[in-house]
Amino acid sequence: MKYNKKMFLEYASAFDYTEDFYNNAKENHGKPITWKQAIKENDEFMKSMNCWSLKDFQEWFDFRKFEIDEKHSSKQRGNNARSN
């Protein structure tokens, strides 16, 4: 089975990094952030995944051994460009 961008986005939707953004804000920004700000950062991060390549997903989720369907990926990119 070859994995495509839609599959990775569905997989990614199961994760929530809000707590990570909240707990690591001081490290990354130099000061604490509110929970509401952490939610916003998580939402922005998840939206940014729409622009990721299949290789980006493979790296982030450590799925480098899985085959990817590049043809489906380029079709997805075209659809995303029109919807944005």
N, C-alpha and C. Protein backbone atom coordinates (compact mmCIF):
# COMPACT_ATOMS: atom_id res chain seq x y z
N MET A 1 0.84 -1.18 0.00
CA MET A 1 0.00 0.00 0.00
C MET A 1 0.89 1.24 0.00
N LYS A 2 0.53 2.19 -0.84
CA LYS A 2 1.25 3.46 -0.85
C LYS A 2 0.42 4.49 -0.09
N TYR A 3 1.09 5.29 0.68
CA TYR A 3 0.42 6.30 1.49
C TYR A 3 0.38 7.63 0.73
N ASN A 4 -0.72 8.35 0.89
CA ASN A 4 -0.85 9.65 0.22
C ASN A 4 -1.10 10.74 1.27
N LYS A 5 -1.13 11.95 0.80
CA LYS A 5 -1.26 13.10 1.70
C LYS A 5 -2.56 13.05 2.51
N LYS A 6 -3.64 12.65 1.87
CA LYS A 6 -4.93 12.58 2.58
C LYS A 6 -4.83 11.64 3.77
N MET A 7 -4.16 10.52 3.58
CA MET A 7 -3.99 9.55 4.68
C MET A 7 -3.18 10.15 5.82
N PHE A 8 -2.11 10.85 5.47
CA PHE A 8 -1.29 11.47 6.52
C PHE A 8 -2.07 12.56 7.25
N LEU A 9 -2.85 13.35 6.54
CA LEU A 9 -3.65 14.39 7.19
C LEU A 9 -4.69 13.79 8.13
N GLU A 10 -5.28 12.69 7.71
CA GLU A 10 -6.24 12.01 8.59
C GLU A 10 -5.54 11.49 9.84
N TYR A 11 -4.36 10.93 9.66
CA TYR A 11 -3.58 10.43 10.80
C TYR A 11 -3.22 11.60 11.72
N ALA A 12 -2.76 12.69 11.15
CA ALA A 12 -2.34 13.86 11.93
C ALA A 12 -3.49 14.47 12.72
N SER A 13 -4.71 14.35 12.21
CA SER A 13 -5.86 14.96 12.89
C SER A 13 -6.13 14.32 14.26
N ALA A 14 -5.54 13.18 14.52
CA ALA A 14 -5.73 12.51 15.81
C ALA A 14 -4.85 13.11 16.91
N PHE A 15 -3.92 13.97 16.52
CA PHE A 15 -2.99 14.55 17.48
C PHE A 15 -3.38 15.97 17.85
N ASP A 16 -3.06 16.35 19.07
CA ASP A 16 -3.30 17.70 19.56
C ASP A 16 -2.03 18.13 20.30
N TYR A 17 -1.42 19.19 19.82
CA TYR A 17 -0.16 19.65 20.40
C TYR A 17 -0.35 20.86 21.32
N THR A 18 -1.60 21.17 21.68
CA THR A 18 -1.89 22.34 22.50
C THR A 18 -1.07 22.33 23.79
N GLU A 19 -1.08 21.22 24.49
CA GLU A 19 -0.34 21.14 25.75
C GLU A 19 1.16 21.31 25.54
N ASP A 20 1.67 20.77 24.45
CA ASP A 20 3.09 20.95 24.13
C ASP A 20 3.42 22.42 23.90
N PHE A 21 2.57 23.10 23.12
CA PHE A 21 2.80 24.53 22.89
C PHE A 21 2.73 25.30 24.20
N TYR A 22 1.77 24.96 25.04
CA TYR A 22 1.59 25.64 26.32
C TYR A 22 2.81 25.43 27.23
N ASN A 23 3.24 24.19 27.36
CA ASN A 23 4.34 23.87 28.28
C ASN A 23 5.70 24.32 27.77
N ASN A 24 5.87 24.41 26.46
CA ASN A 24 7.16 24.76 25.90
C ASN A 24 7.26 26.21 25.46
N ALA A 25 6.25 27.00 25.72
CA ALA A 25 6.24 28.39 25.27
C ALA A 25 7.40 29.18 25.82
N LYS A 26 7.71 29.01 27.09
CA LYS A 26 8.80 29.77 27.69
C LYS A 26 10.12 29.47 26.99
N GLU A 27 10.34 28.22 26.67
CA GLU A 27 11.54 27.82 25.95
C GLU A 27 11.60 28.47 24.57
N ASN A 28 10.48 28.46 23.87
CA ASN A 28 10.46 28.92 22.49
C ASN A 28 10.27 30.42 22.34
N HIS A 29 9.49 31.03 23.22
CA HIS A 29 9.15 32.45 23.07
C HIS A 29 9.77 33.33 24.15
N GLY A 30 10.30 32.72 25.17
CA GLY A 30 10.89 33.50 26.25
C GLY A 30 9.93 33.89 27.34
N LYS A 31 8.62 33.61 27.16
CA LYS A 31 7.65 33.92 28.20
C LYS A 31 6.47 32.97 28.08
N PRO A 32 5.74 32.76 29.17
CA PRO A 32 4.58 31.87 29.13
C PRO A 32 3.48 32.43 28.23
N ILE A 33 2.64 31.54 27.74
CA ILE A 33 1.48 31.95 26.95
C ILE A 33 0.24 31.40 27.63
N THR A 34 -0.91 31.94 27.25
CA THR A 34 -2.17 31.46 27.82
C THR A 34 -2.59 30.17 27.11
N TRP A 35 -3.53 29.46 27.71
CA TRP A 35 -4.05 28.24 27.10
C TRP A 35 -4.70 28.58 25.76
N LYS A 36 -5.40 29.71 25.71
CA LYS A 36 -6.05 30.15 24.46
C LYS A 36 -5.01 30.37 23.36
N GLN A 37 -3.88 30.96 23.71
CA GLN A 37 -2.81 31.15 22.73
C GLN A 37 -2.24 29.81 22.27
N ALA A 38 -2.12 28.88 23.19
CA ALA A 38 -1.61 27.54 22.85
C ALA A 38 -2.56 26.83 21.89
N ILE A 39 -3.86 26.99 22.11
CA ILE A 39 -4.85 26.41 21.20
C ILE A 39 -4.69 27.02 19.81
N LYS A 40 -4.51 28.32 19.76
CA LYS A 40 -4.34 29.01 18.48
C LYS A 40 -3.08 28.51 17.77
N GLU A 41 -1.98 28.35 18.50
CA GLU A 41 -0.74 27.85 17.90
C GLU A 41 -0.93 26.43 17.37
N ASN A 42 -1.65 25.60 18.13
CA ASN A 42 -1.92 24.24 17.68
C ASN A 42 -2.74 24.26 16.38
N ASP A 43 -3.77 25.09 16.34
CA ASP A 43 -4.62 25.19 15.15
C ASP A 43 -3.81 25.64 13.93
N GLU A 44 -2.95 26.63 14.13
CA GLU A 44 -2.11 27.12 13.03
C GLU A 44 -1.15 26.04 12.55
N PHE A 45 -0.58 25.29 13.49
CA PHE A 45 0.33 24.22 13.15
C PHE A 45 -0.39 23.15 12.34
N MET A 46 -1.58 22.76 12.77
CA MET A 46 -2.33 21.74 12.06
C MET A 46 -2.72 22.23 10.66
N LYS A 47 -3.10 23.49 10.52
CA LYS A 47 -3.42 24.04 9.20
C LYS A 47 -2.19 24.06 8.31
N SER A 48 -1.02 24.33 8.88
CA SER A 48 0.21 24.38 8.08
C SER A 48 0.52 23.02 7.46
N MET A 49 0.01 21.95 8.06
CA MET A 49 0.26 20.61 7.51
C MET A 49 -0.34 20.44 6.12
N ASN A 50 -1.34 21.23 5.78
CA ASN A 50 -1.92 21.17 4.43
C ASN A 50 -0.89 21.51 3.36
N CYS A 51 0.13 22.25 3.73
CA CYS A 51 1.18 22.64 2.78
C CYS A 51 2.39 21.71 2.81
N TRP A 52 2.37 20.75 3.70
CA TRP A 52 3.51 19.83 3.82
C TRP A 52 3.57 18.88 2.64
N SER A 53 4.78 18.47 2.32
CA SER A 53 4.97 17.43 1.32
C SER A 53 4.84 16.07 2.02
N LEU A 54 4.73 15.04 1.23
CA LEU A 54 4.67 13.70 1.81
C LEU A 54 5.96 13.39 2.57
N LYS A 55 7.06 13.88 2.06
CA LYS A 55 8.33 13.66 2.77
C LYS A 55 8.34 14.36 4.12
N ASP A 56 7.71 15.54 4.21
CA ASP A 56 7.61 16.24 5.50
C ASP A 56 6.84 15.38 6.51
N PHE A 57 5.73 14.78 6.07
CA PHE A 57 4.96 13.91 6.95
C PHE A 57 5.77 12.70 7.38
N GLN A 58 6.48 12.12 6.43
CA GLN A 58 7.30 10.96 6.74
C GLN A 58 8.33 11.30 7.81
N GLU A 59 8.94 12.45 7.69
CA GLU A 59 9.95 12.87 8.67
C GLU A 59 9.31 13.16 10.03
N TRP A 60 8.24 13.93 10.04
CA TRP A 60 7.60 14.35 11.29
C TRP A 60 7.11 13.15 12.10
N PHE A 61 6.44 12.21 11.40
CA PHE A 61 5.87 11.06 12.08
C PHE A 61 6.78 9.84 12.05
N ASP A 62 7.98 10.01 11.51
CA ASP A 62 8.98 8.95 11.44
C ASP A 62 8.47 7.74 10.67
N PHE A 63 7.83 8.03 9.53
CA PHE A 63 7.32 6.98 8.65
C PHE A 63 8.17 6.87 7.39
N ARG A 64 9.45 7.05 7.50
CA ARG A 64 10.31 7.06 6.33
C ARG A 64 10.33 5.75 5.57
N LYS A 65 9.98 4.66 6.22
CA LYS A 65 10.04 3.36 5.55
C LYS A 65 8.82 3.09 4.67
N PHE A 66 7.75 3.88 4.82
CA PHE A 66 6.55 3.65 4.05
C PHE A 66 6.65 4.28 2.66
N GLU A 67 6.07 3.60 1.69
CA GLU A 67 6.04 4.14 0.34
C GLU A 67 4.99 5.23 0.27
N ILE A 68 5.28 6.22 -0.57
CA ILE A 68 4.32 7.31 -0.74
C ILE A 68 3.87 7.36 -2.19
N ASP A 69 2.69 7.85 -2.41
CA ASP A 69 2.11 7.96 -3.73
C ASP A 69 2.29 9.40 -4.20
N GLU A 70 3.37 9.65 -4.92
CA GLU A 70 3.68 11.01 -5.37
C GLU A 70 2.64 11.55 -6.35
N LYS A 71 2.05 10.68 -7.17
CA LYS A 71 1.04 11.15 -8.13
C LYS A 71 -0.16 11.73 -7.39
N HIS A 72 -0.60 11.05 -6.36
CA HIS A 72 -1.73 11.55 -5.57
C HIS A 72 -1.35 12.83 -4.84
N SER A 73 -0.10 12.93 -4.44
CA SER A 73 0.38 14.11 -3.73
C SER A 73 0.29 15.35 -4.60
N SER A 74 0.74 15.26 -5.85
CA SER A 74 0.71 16.44 -6.71
C SER A 74 -0.74 16.82 -7.04
N LYS A 75 -1.62 15.84 -7.14
CA LYS A 75 -3.03 16.13 -7.37
C LYS A 75 -3.60 16.88 -6.17
N GLN A 76 -3.24 16.44 -4.95
CA GLN A 76 -3.70 17.09 -3.73
C GLN A 76 -3.20 18.53 -3.67
N ARG A 77 -1.93 18.75 -4.02
CA ARG A 77 -1.38 20.11 -3.97
C ARG A 77 -2.18 21.03 -4.86
N GLY A 78 -2.54 20.55 -6.07
CA GLY A 78 -3.33 21.36 -6.98
C GLY A 78 -4.68 21.70 -6.40
N ASN A 79 -5.32 20.73 -5.74
CA ASN A 79 -6.63 20.97 -5.13
C ASN A 79 -6.52 21.96 -3.99
N ASN A 80 -5.46 21.85 -3.18
CA ASN A 80 -5.27 22.78 -2.07
C ASN A 80 -5.03 24.18 -2.55
N ALA A 81 -4.28 24.32 -3.63
CA ALA A 81 -3.98 25.65 -4.15
C ALA A 81 -5.26 26.35 -4.60
N ARG A 82 -6.18 25.58 -5.20
CA ARG A 82 -7.43 26.19 -5.66
C ARG A 82 -8.35 26.56 -4.50
N SER A 83 -8.31 25.77 -3.42
CA SER A 83 -9.23 26.02 -2.31
C SER A 83 -8.75 27.11 -1.37
N ASN A 84 -7.48 27.47 -1.45
CA ASN A 84 -6.92 28.50 -0.54
C ASN A 84 -7.03 29.87 -1.11
